[in-house]
Amino acid sequence: MSKGRGIFQIESNFGTSAAMIEMLVYSRPGHIELLPALPEAWARSGSVTGVGVRGGFVVDLRWQDGKVTEARLRSVGGRSTTVSYGGVARDLSLKPGGSVTLRDVGR
């Protein structure tokens, strides 16, 4: 290897961003968990949009003081899922292309 040229390791570049997203929205088919591992440094307020989750949904999420204030779920092919946050779960059924906005989820 020539001097001044480092190794570009693609796994860590993509893996880090995926791990950060999963701290905010964890999913598996049929279940979406909001803020499962929110870092204290991010807790005051924040948002993330366009997170594709397993099961055929896209999530937009806002939080304040470590609690979910709004979550919008859009179906891109998914039909039903359970959304959970802080021990509370809600079953949702959407038609493909449909959406629902949950407000004050964590209050």
PDB file of N, CA and C in Angstrom:
ATOM      1  N   MET A   1       0.849  -1.168   0.000  1.00  0.00           N
ATOM      2  CA  MET A   1       0.000   0.000   0.000  1.00  0.00           C
ATOM      3  C   MET A   1       0.893   1.228   0.000  1.00  0.00           C
ATOM      4  N   SER A   2       0.533   2.202  -0.824  1.00  0.00           N
ATOM      5  CA  SER A   2       1.346   3.414  -0.906  1.00  0.00           C
ATOM      6  C   SER A   2       1.086   4.332   0.277  1.00  0.00           C
ATOM      7  N   LYS A   3       2.082   5.136   0.580  1.00  0.00           N
ATOM      8  CA  LYS A   3       2.009   6.051   1.716  1.00  0.00           C
ATOM      9  C   LYS A   3       0.860   7.045   1.537  1.00  0.00           C
ATOM     10  N   GLY A   4       0.113   7.283   2.642  1.00  0.00           N
ATOM     11  CA  GLY A   4      -0.973   8.261   2.614  1.00  0.00           C
ATOM     12  C   GLY A   4      -2.310   7.710   2.150  1.00  0.00           C
ATOM     13  N   ARG A   5      -2.384   6.445   1.850  1.00  0.00           N
ATOM     14  CA  ARG A   5      -3.657   5.866   1.410  1.00  0.00           C
ATOM     15  C   ARG A   5      -4.149   4.887   2.461  1.00  0.00           C
ATOM     16  N   GLY A   6      -5.280   5.187   3.035  1.00  0.00           N
ATOM     17  CA  GLY A   6      -5.850   4.318   4.054  1.00  0.00           C
ATOM     18  C   GLY A   6      -6.775   3.288   3.443  1.00  0.00           C
ATOM     19  N   ILE A   7      -7.239   2.419   4.269  1.00  0.00           N
ATOM     20  CA  ILE A   7      -8.182   1.393   3.835  1.00  0.00           C
ATOM     21  C   ILE A   7      -9.585   1.915   4.079  1.00  0.00           C
ATOM     22  N   PHE A   8     -10.426   1.800   3.073  1.00  0.00           N
ATOM     23  CA  PHE A   8     -11.823   2.193   3.191  1.00  0.00           C
ATOM     24  C   PHE A   8     -12.623   0.934   3.492  1.00  0.00           C
ATOM     25  N   GLN A   9     -13.198   0.876   4.683  1.00  0.00           N
ATOM     26  CA  GLN A   9     -13.958  -0.306   5.081  1.00  0.00           C
ATOM     27  C   GLN A   9     -15.438   0.036   5.067  1.00  0.00           C
ATOM     28  N   ILE A  10     -16.134  -0.387   4.040  1.00  0.00           N
ATOM     29  CA  ILE A  10     -17.522  -0.032   3.813  1.00  0.00           C
ATOM     30  C   ILE A  10     -18.455  -0.538   4.917  1.00  0.00           C
ATOM     31  N   GLU A  11     -18.161  -1.694   5.499  1.00  0.00           N
ATOM     32  CA  GLU A  11     -19.056  -2.247   6.519  1.00  0.00           C
ATOM     33  C   GLU A  11     -19.216  -1.298   7.702  1.00  0.00           C
ATOM     34  N   SER A  12     -18.128  -0.714   8.163  1.00  0.00           N
ATOM     35  CA  SER A  12     -18.237   0.181   9.316  1.00  0.00           C
ATOM     36  C   SER A  12     -18.907   1.492   8.936  1.00  0.00           C
ATOM     37  N   ASN A  13     -18.713   1.950   7.726  1.00  0.00           N
ATOM     38  CA  ASN A  13     -19.360   3.196   7.315  1.00  0.00           C
ATOM     39  C   ASN A  13     -20.875   3.058   7.256  1.00  0.00           C
ATOM     40  N   PHE A  14     -21.371   1.972   6.696  1.00  0.00           N
ATOM     41  CA  PHE A  14     -22.812   1.778   6.631  1.00  0.00           C
ATOM     42  C   PHE A  14     -23.358   1.214   7.942  1.00  0.00           C
ATOM     43  N   GLY A  15     -22.598   0.386   8.614  1.00  0.00           N
ATOM     44  CA  GLY A  15     -23.054  -0.228   9.851  1.00  0.00           C
ATOM     45  C   GLY A  15     -23.271   0.769  10.969  1.00  0.00           C
ATOM     46  N   THR A  16     -22.444   1.793  11.025  1.00  0.00           N
ATOM     47  CA  THR A  16     -22.590   2.805  12.081  1.00  0.00           C
ATOM     48  C   THR A  16     -23.903   3.555  11.936  1.00  0.00           C
ATOM     49  N   SER A  17     -24.228   3.978  10.735  1.00  0.00           N
ATOM     50  CA  SER A  17     -25.490   4.721  10.550  1.00  0.00           C
ATOM     51  C   SER A  17     -26.694   3.817  10.815  1.00  0.00           C
ATOM     52  N   ALA A  18     -26.627   2.566  10.422  1.00  0.00           N
ATOM     53  CA  ALA A  18     -27.728   1.638  10.693  1.00  0.00           C
ATOM     54  C   ALA A  18     -27.908   1.430  12.196  1.00  0.00           C
ATOM     55  N   ALA A  19     -26.809   1.320  12.929  1.00  0.00           N
ATOM     56  CA  ALA A  19     -26.891   1.150  14.383  1.00  0.00           C
ATOM     57  C   ALA A  19     -27.506   2.387  15.039  1.00  0.00           C
ATOM     58  N   MET A  20     -27.149   3.565  14.551  1.00  0.00           N
ATOM     59  CA  MET A  20     -27.708   4.800  15.112  1.00  0.00           C
ATOM     60  C   MET A  20     -29.215   4.871  14.869  1.00  0.00           C
ATOM     61  N   ILE A  21     -29.660   4.495  13.688  1.00  0.00           N
ATOM     62  CA  ILE A  21     -31.097   4.497  13.390  1.00  0.00           C
ATOM     63  C   ILE A  21     -31.825   3.490  14.272  1.00  0.00           C
ATOM     64  N   GLU A  22     -31.234   2.323  14.488  1.00  0.00           N
ATOM     65  CA  GLU A  22     -31.903   1.318  15.319  1.00  0.00           C
ATOM     66  C   GLU A  22     -31.978   1.725  16.789  1.00  0.00           C
ATOM     67  N   MET A  23     -31.170   2.686  17.227  1.00  0.00           N
ATOM     68  CA  MET A  23     -31.312   3.219  18.583  1.00  0.00           C
ATOM     69  C   MET A  23     -32.571   4.079  18.678  1.00  0.00           C
ATOM     70  N   LEU A  24     -33.040   4.582  17.550  1.00  0.00           N
ATOM     71  CA  LEU A  24     -34.218   5.443  17.511  1.00  0.00           C
ATOM     72  C   LEU A  24     -35.485   4.685  17.131  1.00  0.00           C
ATOM     73  N   VAL A  25     -35.362   3.766  16.187  1.00  0.00           N
ATOM     74  CA  VAL A  25     -36.506   2.984  15.713  1.00  0.00           C
ATOM     75  C   VAL A  25     -36.027   1.557  15.460  1.00  0.00           C
ATOM     76  N   TYR A  26     -36.501   0.627  16.269  1.00  0.00           N
ATOM     77  CA  TYR A  26     -36.162  -0.780  16.079  1.00  0.00           C
ATOM     78  C   TYR A  26     -37.371  -1.468  15.468  1.00  0.00           C
ATOM     79  N   SER A  27     -37.131  -2.341  14.503  1.00  0.00           N
ATOM     80  CA  SER A  27     -38.272  -3.023  13.898  1.00  0.00           C
ATOM     81  C   SER A  27     -37.943  -4.459  13.552  1.00  0.00           C
ATOM     82  N   ARG A  28     -38.996  -5.228  13.489  1.00  0.00           N
ATOM     83  CA  ARG A  28     -38.996  -6.566  12.934  1.00  0.00           C
ATOM     84  C   ARG A  28     -40.390  -6.716  12.324  1.00  0.00           C
ATOM     85  N   PRO A  29     -40.604  -7.629  11.412  1.00  0.00           N
ATOM     86  CA  PRO A  29     -41.940  -7.730  10.817  1.00  0.00           C
ATOM     87  C   PRO A  29     -43.025  -7.865  11.888  1.00  0.00           C
ATOM     88  N   GLY A  30     -43.994  -6.975  11.829  1.00  0.00           N
ATOM     89  CA  GLY A  30     -45.107  -7.006  12.774  1.00  0.00           C
ATOM     90  C   GLY A  30     -44.902  -6.198  14.039  1.00  0.00           C
ATOM     91  N   HIS A  31     -43.735  -5.573  14.202  1.00  0.00           N
ATOM     92  CA  HIS A  31     -43.478  -4.810  15.436  1.00  0.00           C
ATOM     93  C   HIS A  31     -42.499  -3.663  15.171  1.00  0.00           C
ATOM     94  N   ILE A  32     -42.857  -2.485  15.668  1.00  0.00           N
ATOM     95  CA  ILE A  32     -42.003  -1.299  15.581  1.00  0.00           C
ATOM     96  C   ILE A  32     -41.879  -0.730  16.993  1.00  0.00           C
ATOM     97  N   GLU A  33     -40.657  -0.533  17.466  1.00  0.00           N
ATOM     98  CA  GLU A  33     -40.423   0.052  18.783  1.00  0.00           C
ATOM     99  C   GLU A  33     -39.773   1.419  18.616  1.00  0.00           C
ATOM    100  N   LEU A  34     -40.379   2.429  19.225  1.00  0.00           N
ATOM    101  CA  LEU A  34     -39.891   3.805  19.124  1.00  0.00           C
ATOM    102  C   LEU A  34     -38.962   4.137  20.290  1.00  0.00           C
ATOM    103  N   LEU A  35     -37.830   4.719  19.999  1.00  0.00           N
ATOM    104  CA  LEU A  35     -36.814   5.140  20.962  1.00  0.00           C
ATOM    105  C   LEU A  35     -36.402   4.033  21.931  1.00  0.00           C
ATOM    106  N   PRO A  36     -35.998   2.876  21.418  1.00  0.00           N
ATOM    107  CA  PRO A  36     -35.614   1.799  22.329  1.00  0.00           C
ATOM    108  C   PRO A  36     -34.304   2.048  23.061  1.00  0.00           C
ATOM    109  N   ALA A  37     -33.428   2.902  22.505  1.00  0.00           N
ATOM    110  CA  ALA A  37     -32.115   3.131  23.128  1.00  0.00           C
ATOM    111  C   ALA A  37     -31.649   4.558  22.847  1.00  0.00           C
ATOM    112  N   LEU A  38     -32.493   5.527  23.152  1.00  0.00           N
ATOM    113  CA  LEU A  38     -32.175   6.931  22.890  1.00  0.00           C
ATOM    114  C   LEU A  38     -31.001   7.370  23.757  1.00  0.00           C
ATOM    115  N   PRO A  39     -29.903   7.808  23.133  1.00  0.00           N
ATOM    116  CA  PRO A  39     -28.764   8.284  23.923  1.00  0.00           C
ATOM    117  C   PRO A  39     -29.131   9.535  24.723  1.00  0.00           C
ATOM    118  N   GLU A  40     -28.651   9.623  25.928  1.00  0.00           N
ATOM    119  CA  GLU A  40     -28.948  10.770  26.788  1.00  0.00           C
ATOM    120  C   GLU A  40     -28.571  12.090  26.113  1.00  0.00           C
ATOM    121  N   ALA A  41     -27.495  12.095  25.360  1.00  0.00           N
ATOM    122  CA  ALA A  41     -27.045  13.317  24.688  1.00  0.00           C
ATOM    123  C   ALA A  41     -28.029  13.785  23.619  1.00  0.00           C
ATOM    124  N   TRP A  42     -28.900  12.911  23.142  1.00  0.00           N
ATOM    125  CA  TRP A  42     -29.882  13.271  22.113  1.00  0.00           C
ATOM    126  C   TRP A  42     -31.275  13.479  22.695  1.00  0.00           C
ATOM    127  N   ALA A  43     -31.464  13.248  23.984  1.00  0.00           N
ATOM    128  CA  ALA A  43     -32.798  13.171  24.578  1.00  0.00           C
ATOM    129  C   ALA A  43     -33.561  14.490  24.598  1.00  0.00           C
ATOM    130  N   ARG A  44     -32.887  15.609  24.679  1.00  0.00           N
ATOM    131  CA  ARG A  44     -33.600  16.882  24.833  1.00  0.00           C
ATOM    132  C   ARG A  44     -34.638  17.085  23.736  1.00  0.00           C
ATOM    133  N   SER A  45     -34.240  16.959  22.494  1.00  0.00           N
ATOM    134  CA  SER A  45     -35.201  17.033  21.394  1.00  0.00           C
ATOM    135  C   SER A  45     -34.542  16.525  20.128  1.00  0.00           C
ATOM    136  N   GLY A  46     -35.376  16.089  19.204  1.00  0.00           N
ATOM    137  CA  GLY A  46     -34.846  15.634  17.937  1.00  0.00           C
ATOM    138  C   GLY A  46     -35.936  15.073  17.056  1.00  0.00           C
ATOM    139  N   SER A  47     -35.522  14.719  15.863  1.00  0.00           N
ATOM    140  CA  SER A  47     -36.442  14.111  14.911  1.00  0.00           C
ATOM    141  C   SER A  47     -35.651  13.334  13.876  1.00  0.00           C
ATOM    142  N   VAL A  48     -36.334  12.411  13.261  1.00  0.00           N
ATOM    143  CA  VAL A  48     -35.783  11.637  12.161  1.00  0.00           C
ATOM    144  C   VAL A  48     -36.937  11.373  11.198  1.00  0.00           C
ATOM    145  N   THR A  49     -36.657  11.443   9.905  1.00  0.00           N
ATOM    146  CA  THR A  49     -37.710  11.233   8.917  1.00  0.00           C
ATOM    147  C   THR A  49     -37.280  10.200   7.886  1.00  0.00           C
ATOM    148  N   GLY A  50     -38.279   9.522   7.357  1.00  0.00           N
ATOM    149  CA  GLY A  50     -38.042   8.590   6.263  1.00  0.00           C
ATOM    150  C   GLY A  50     -37.324   7.308   6.626  1.00  0.00           C
ATOM    151  N   VAL A  51     -37.510   6.835   7.838  1.00  0.00           N
ATOM    152  CA  VAL A  51     -36.845   5.593   8.261  1.00  0.00           C
ATOM    153  C   VAL A  51     -37.655   4.401   7.746  1.00  0.00           C
ATOM    154  N   GLY A  52     -37.074   3.653   6.830  1.00  0.00           N
ATOM    155  CA  GLY A  52     -37.719   2.440   6.345  1.00  0.00           C
ATOM    156  C   GLY A  52     -37.575   1.342   7.375  1.00  0.00           C
ATOM    157  N   VAL A  53     -38.686   0.745   7.760  1.00  0.00           N
ATOM    158  CA  VAL A  53     -38.652  -0.295   8.792  1.00  0.00           C
ATOM    159  C   VAL A  53     -39.162  -1.617   8.234  1.00  0.00           C
ATOM    160  N   ARG A  54     -38.774  -2.678   8.897  1.00  0.00           N
ATOM    161  CA  ARG A  54     -39.180  -4.013   8.469  1.00  0.00           C
ATOM    162  C   ARG A  54     -40.699  -4.147   8.537  1.00  0.00           C
ATOM    163  N   GLY A  55     -41.250  -4.851   7.597  1.00  0.00           N
ATOM    164  CA  GLY A  55     -42.692  -5.047   7.563  1.00  0.00           C
ATOM    165  C   GLY A  55     -43.389  -4.148   6.559  1.00  0.00           C
ATOM    166  N   GLY A  56     -42.646  -3.257   5.896  1.00  0.00           N
ATOM    167  CA  GLY A  56     -43.233  -2.447   4.829  1.00  0.00           C
ATOM    168  C   GLY A  56     -43.771  -1.096   5.252  1.00  0.00           C
ATOM    169  N   PHE A  57     -43.113  -0.445   6.217  1.00  0.00           N
ATOM    170  CA  PHE A  57     -43.547   0.872   6.680  1.00  0.00           C
ATOM    171  C   PHE A  57     -42.388   1.860   6.663  1.00  0.00           C
ATOM    172  N   VAL A  58     -42.728   3.140   6.653  1.00  0.00           N
ATOM    173  CA  VAL A  58     -41.757   4.224   6.788  1.00  0.00           C
ATOM    174  C   VAL A  58     -42.186   5.055   7.987  1.00  0.00           C
ATOM    175  N   VAL A  59     -41.226   5.445   8.830  1.00  0.00           N
ATOM    176  CA  VAL A  59     -41.524   6.166  10.066  1.00  0.00           C
ATOM    177  C   VAL A  59     -40.856   7.538  10.064  1.00  0.00           C
ATOM    178  N   ASP A  60     -41.631   8.559  10.451  1.00  0.00           N
ATOM    179  CA  ASP A  60     -41.117   9.886  10.796  1.00  0.00           C
ATOM    180  C   ASP A  60     -41.355  10.029  12.299  1.00  0.00           C
ATOM    181  N   LEU A  61     -40.354  10.493  13.031  1.00  0.00           N
ATOM    182  CA  LEU A  61     -40.436  10.490  14.491  1.00  0.00           C
ATOM    183  C   LEU A  61     -39.901  11.784  15.066  1.00  0.00           C
ATOM    184  N   ARG A  62     -40.602  12.329  16.078  1.00  0.00           N
ATOM    185  CA  ARG A  62     -40.143  13.506  16.815  1.00  0.00           C
ATOM    186  C   ARG A  62     -40.190  13.181  18.303  1.00  0.00           C
ATOM    187  N   TRP A  63     -39.224  13.754  19.042  1.00  0.00           N
ATOM    188  CA  TRP A  63     -39.228  13.551  20.488  1.00  0.00           C
ATOM    189  C   TRP A  63     -38.791  14.824  21.192  1.00  0.00           C
ATOM    190  N   GLN A  64     -39.188  14.922  22.446  1.00  0.00           N
ATOM    191  CA  GLN A  64     -38.861  16.053  23.315  1.00  0.00           C
ATOM    192  C   GLN A  64     -38.661  15.490  24.711  1.00  0.00           C
ATOM    193  N   ASP A  65     -37.590  15.909  25.388  1.00  0.00           N
ATOM    194  CA  ASP A  65     -37.303  15.447  26.752  1.00  0.00           C
ATOM    195  C   ASP A  65     -37.335  13.927  26.872  1.00  0.00           C
ATOM    196  N   GLY A  66     -36.813  13.257  25.853  1.00  0.00           N
ATOM    197  CA  GLY A  66     -36.713  11.804  25.874  1.00  0.00           C
ATOM    198  C   GLY A  66     -37.992  11.050  25.611  1.00  0.00           C
ATOM    199  N   LYS A  67     -39.071  11.767  25.245  1.00  0.00           N
ATOM    200  CA  LYS A  67     -40.364  11.128  25.019  1.00  0.00           C
ATOM    201  C   LYS A  67     -40.858  11.418  23.610  1.00  0.00           C
ATOM    202  N   VAL A  68     -41.471  10.415  23.019  1.00  0.00           N
ATOM    203  CA  VAL A  68     -42.033  10.571  21.680  1.00  0.00           C
ATOM    204  C   VAL A  68     -43.177  11.570  21.736  1.00  0.00           C
ATOM    205  N   THR A  69     -43.132  12.590  20.886  1.00  0.00           N
ATOM    206  CA  THR A  69     -44.230  13.553  20.794  1.00  0.00           C
ATOM    207  C   THR A  69     -45.081  13.323  19.555  1.00  0.00           C
ATOM    208  N   GLU A  70     -44.475  12.740  18.509  1.00  0.00           N
ATOM    209  CA  GLU A  70     -45.225  12.477  17.290  1.00  0.00           C
ATOM    210  C   GLU A  70     -44.535  11.383  16.491  1.00  0.00           C
ATOM    211  N   ALA A  71     -45.331  10.480  15.982  1.00  0.00           N
ATOM    212  CA  ALA A  71     -44.820   9.424  15.114  1.00  0.00           C
ATOM    213  C   ALA A  71     -45.791   9.273  13.948  1.00  0.00           C
ATOM    214  N   ARG A  72     -45.262   9.380  12.746  1.00  0.00           N
ATOM    215  CA  ARG A  72     -46.078   9.175  11.548  1.00  0.00           C
ATOM    216  C   ARG A  72     -45.612   7.893  10.881  1.00  0.00           C
ATOM    217  N   LEU A  73     -46.549   7.002  10.629  1.00  0.00           N
ATOM    218  CA  LEU A  73     -46.249   5.747   9.953  1.00  0.00           C
ATOM    219  C   LEU A  73     -46.962   5.728   8.612  1.00  0.00           C
ATOM    220  N   ARG A  74     -46.205   5.406   7.567  1.00  0.00           N
ATOM    221  CA  ARG A  74     -46.758   5.277   6.220  1.00  0.00           C
ATOM    222  C   ARG A  74     -46.535   3.856   5.739  1.00  0.00           C
ATOM    223  N   SER A  75     -47.547   3.298   5.151  1.00  0.00           N
ATOM    224  CA  SER A  75     -47.434   1.953   4.607  1.00  0.00           C
ATOM    225  C   SER A  75     -46.935   2.029   3.163  1.00  0.00           C
ATOM    226  N   VAL A  76     -45.894   1.264   2.878  1.00  0.00           N
ATOM    227  CA  VAL A  76     -45.422   1.136   1.501  1.00  0.00           C
ATOM    228  C   VAL A  76     -45.634  -0.301   1.023  1.00  0.00           C
ATOM    229  N   GLY A  77     -46.485  -0.994   1.695  1.00  0.00           N
ATOM    230  CA  GLY A  77     -46.776  -2.389   1.379  1.00  0.00           C
ATOM    231  C   GLY A  77     -47.181  -3.174   2.604  1.00  0.00           C
ATOM    232  N   GLY A  78     -46.842  -2.638   3.772  1.00  0.00           N
ATOM    233  CA  GLY A  78     -47.230  -3.289   5.017  1.00  0.00           C
ATOM    234  C   GLY A  78     -48.710  -3.096   5.287  1.00  0.00           C
ATOM    235  N   ARG A  79     -49.288  -3.989   6.020  1.00  0.00           N
ATOM    236  CA  ARG A  79     -50.715  -3.908   6.312  1.00  0.00           C
ATOM    237  C   ARG A  79     -50.999  -3.741   7.802  1.00  0.00           C
ATOM    238  N   SER A  80     -50.294  -4.473   8.640  1.00  0.00           N
ATOM    239  CA  SER A  80     -50.540  -4.340  10.079  1.00  0.00           C
ATOM    240  C   SER A  80     -49.226  -4.456  10.830  1.00  0.00           C
ATOM    241  N   THR A  81     -49.190  -3.776  11.966  1.00  0.00           N
ATOM    242  CA  THR A  81     -48.012  -3.809  12.825  1.00  0.00           C
ATOM    243  C   THR A  81     -48.421  -3.380  14.219  1.00  0.00           C
ATOM    244  N   THR A  82     -47.567  -3.617  15.160  1.00  0.00           N
ATOM    245  CA  THR A  82     -47.747  -3.120  16.519  1.00  0.00           C
ATOM    246  C   THR A  82     -46.654  -2.084  16.764  1.00  0.00           C
ATOM    247  N   VAL A  83     -47.047  -0.920  17.244  1.00  0.00           N
ATOM    248  CA  VAL A  83     -46.096   0.138  17.572  1.00  0.00           C
ATOM    249  C   VAL A  83     -46.019   0.218  19.084  1.00  0.00           C
ATOM    250  N   SER A  84     -44.796   0.181  19.625  1.00  0.00           N
ATOM    251  CA  SER A  84     -44.667   0.256  21.076  1.00  0.00           C
ATOM    252  C   SER A  84     -43.679   1.335  21.475  1.00  0.00           C
ATOM    253  N   TYR A  85     -43.943   1.876  22.641  1.00  0.00           N
ATOM    254  CA  TYR A  85     -43.063   2.867  23.249  1.00  0.00           C
ATOM    255  C   TYR A  85     -43.300   2.864  24.743  1.00  0.00           C
ATOM    256  N   GLY A  86     -42.247   2.725  25.517  1.00  0.00           N
ATOM    257  CA  GLY A  86     -42.342   2.828  26.968  1.00  0.00           C
ATOM    258  C   GLY A  86     -43.350   1.899  27.599  1.00  0.00           C
ATOM    259  N   GLY A  87     -43.468   0.682  27.106  1.00  0.00           N
ATOM    260  CA  GLY A  87     -44.377  -0.280  27.704  1.00  0.00           C
ATOM    261  C   GLY A  87     -45.806  -0.207  27.199  1.00  0.00           C
ATOM    262  N   VAL A  88     -46.123   0.748  26.344  1.00  0.00           N
ATOM    263  CA  VAL A  88     -47.458   0.867  25.765  1.00  0.00           C
ATOM    264  C   VAL A  88     -47.380   0.400  24.320  1.00  0.00           C
ATOM    265  N   ALA A  89     -48.350  -0.410  23.904  1.00  0.00           N
ATOM    266  CA  ALA A  89     -48.372  -0.917  22.534  1.00  0.00           C
ATOM    267  C   ALA A  89     -49.703  -0.580  21.880  1.00  0.00           C
ATOM    268  N   ARG A  90     -49.632  -0.307  20.585  1.00  0.00           N
ATOM    269  CA  ARG A  90     -50.844   0.005  19.820  1.00  0.00           C
ATOM    270  C   ARG A  90     -50.801  -0.773  18.508  1.00  0.00           C
ATOM    271  N   ASP A  91     -51.860  -1.516  18.229  1.00  0.00           N
ATOM    272  CA  ASP A  91     -51.973  -2.254  16.979  1.00  0.00           C
ATOM    273  C   ASP A  91     -52.509  -1.333  15.895  1.00  0.00           C
ATOM    274  N   LEU A  92     -51.878  -1.371  14.729  1.00  0.00           N
ATOM    275  CA  LEU A  92     -52.296  -0.536  13.606  1.00  0.00           C
ATOM    276  C   LEU A  92     -52.526  -1.389  12.374  1.00  0.00           C
ATOM    277  N   SER A  93     -53.546  -1.024  11.612  1.00  0.00           N
ATOM    278  CA  SER A  93     -53.808  -1.637  10.312  1.00  0.00           C
ATOM    279  C   SER A  93     -53.949  -0.523   9.299  1.00  0.00           C
ATOM    280  N   LEU A  94     -53.170  -0.602   8.231  1.00  0.00           N
ATOM    281  CA  LEU A  94     -53.197   0.408   7.174  1.00  0.00           C
ATOM    282  C   LEU A  94     -53.255  -0.275   5.819  1.00  0.00           C
ATOM    283  N   LYS A  95     -53.899   0.381   4.893  1.00  0.00           N
ATOM    284  CA  LYS A  95     -53.850  -0.071   3.514  1.00  0.00           C
ATOM    285  C   LYS A  95     -52.539   0.419   2.916  1.00  0.00           C
ATOM    286  N   PRO A  96     -51.975  -0.321   1.957  1.00  0.00           N
ATOM    287  CA  PRO A  96     -50.768   0.171   1.300  1.00  0.00           C
ATOM    288  C   PRO A  96     -50.985   1.589   0.761  1.00  0.00           C
ATOM    289  N   GLY A  97     -50.074   2.478   1.081  1.00  0.00           N
ATOM    290  CA  GLY A  97     -50.196   3.883   0.700  1.00  0.00           C
ATOM    291  C   GLY A  97     -50.839   4.742   1.782  1.00  0.00           C
ATOM    292  N   GLY A  98     -51.443   4.113   2.781  1.00  0.00           N
ATOM    293  CA  GLY A  98     -52.087   4.839   3.871  1.00  0.00           C
ATOM    294  C   GLY A  98     -51.090   5.284   4.924  1.00  0.00           C
ATOM    295  N   SER A  99     -51.534   6.199   5.786  1.00  0.00           N
ATOM    296  CA  SER A  99     -50.664   6.667   6.869  1.00  0.00           C
ATOM    297  C   SER A  99     -51.485   7.005   8.098  1.00  0.00           C
ATOM    298  N   VAL A 100     -50.804   7.072   9.224  1.00  0.00           N
ATOM    299  CA  VAL A 100     -51.422   7.472  10.479  1.00  0.00           C
ATOM    300  C   VAL A 100     -50.375   8.270  11.268  1.00  0.00           C
ATOM    301  N   THR A 101     -50.849   9.289  11.976  1.00  0.00           N
ATOM    302  CA  THR A 101     -49.975  10.082  12.824  1.00  0.00           C
ATOM    303  C   THR A 101     -50.417   9.907  14.271  1.00  0.00           C
ATOM    304  N   LEU A 102     -49.494   9.492  15.104  1.00  0.00           N
ATOM    305  CA  LEU A 102     -49.735   9.340  16.537  1.00  0.00           C
ATOM    306  C   LEU A 102     -49.108  10.536  17.224  1.00  0.00           C
ATOM    307  N   ARG A 103     -49.864  11.261  18.028  1.00  0.00           N
ATOM    308  CA  ARG A 103     -49.344  12.450  18.717  1.00  0.00           C
ATOM    309  C   ARG A 103     -49.320  12.218  20.216  1.00  0.00           C
ATOM    310  N   ASP A 104     -48.350  12.867  20.869  1.00  0.00           N
ATOM    311  CA  ASP A 104     -48.186  12.749  22.324  1.00  0.00           C
ATOM    312  C   ASP A 104     -48.129  11.293  22.759  1.00  0.00           C
ATOM    313  N   VAL A 105     -47.413  10.500  21.987  1.00  0.00           N
ATOM    314  CA  VAL A 105     -47.317   9.067  22.233  1.00  0.00           C
ATOM    315  C   VAL A 105     -46.718   8.786  23.602  1.00  0.00           C
ATOM    316  N   GLY A 106     -45.708   9.530  23.992  1.00  0.00           N
ATOM    317  CA  GLY A 106     -45.004   9.233  25.234  1.00  0.00           C
ATOM    318  C   GLY A 106     -45.441  10.079  26.418  1.00  0.00           C
ATOM    319  N   ARG A 107     -46.545  10.733  26.336  1.00  0.00           N
ATOM    320  CA  ARG A 107     -46.987  11.603  27.443  1.00  0.00           C
ATOM    321  C   ARG A 107     -48.159  11.041  28.183  1.00  0.00           C
TER     322      ARG A 107
END
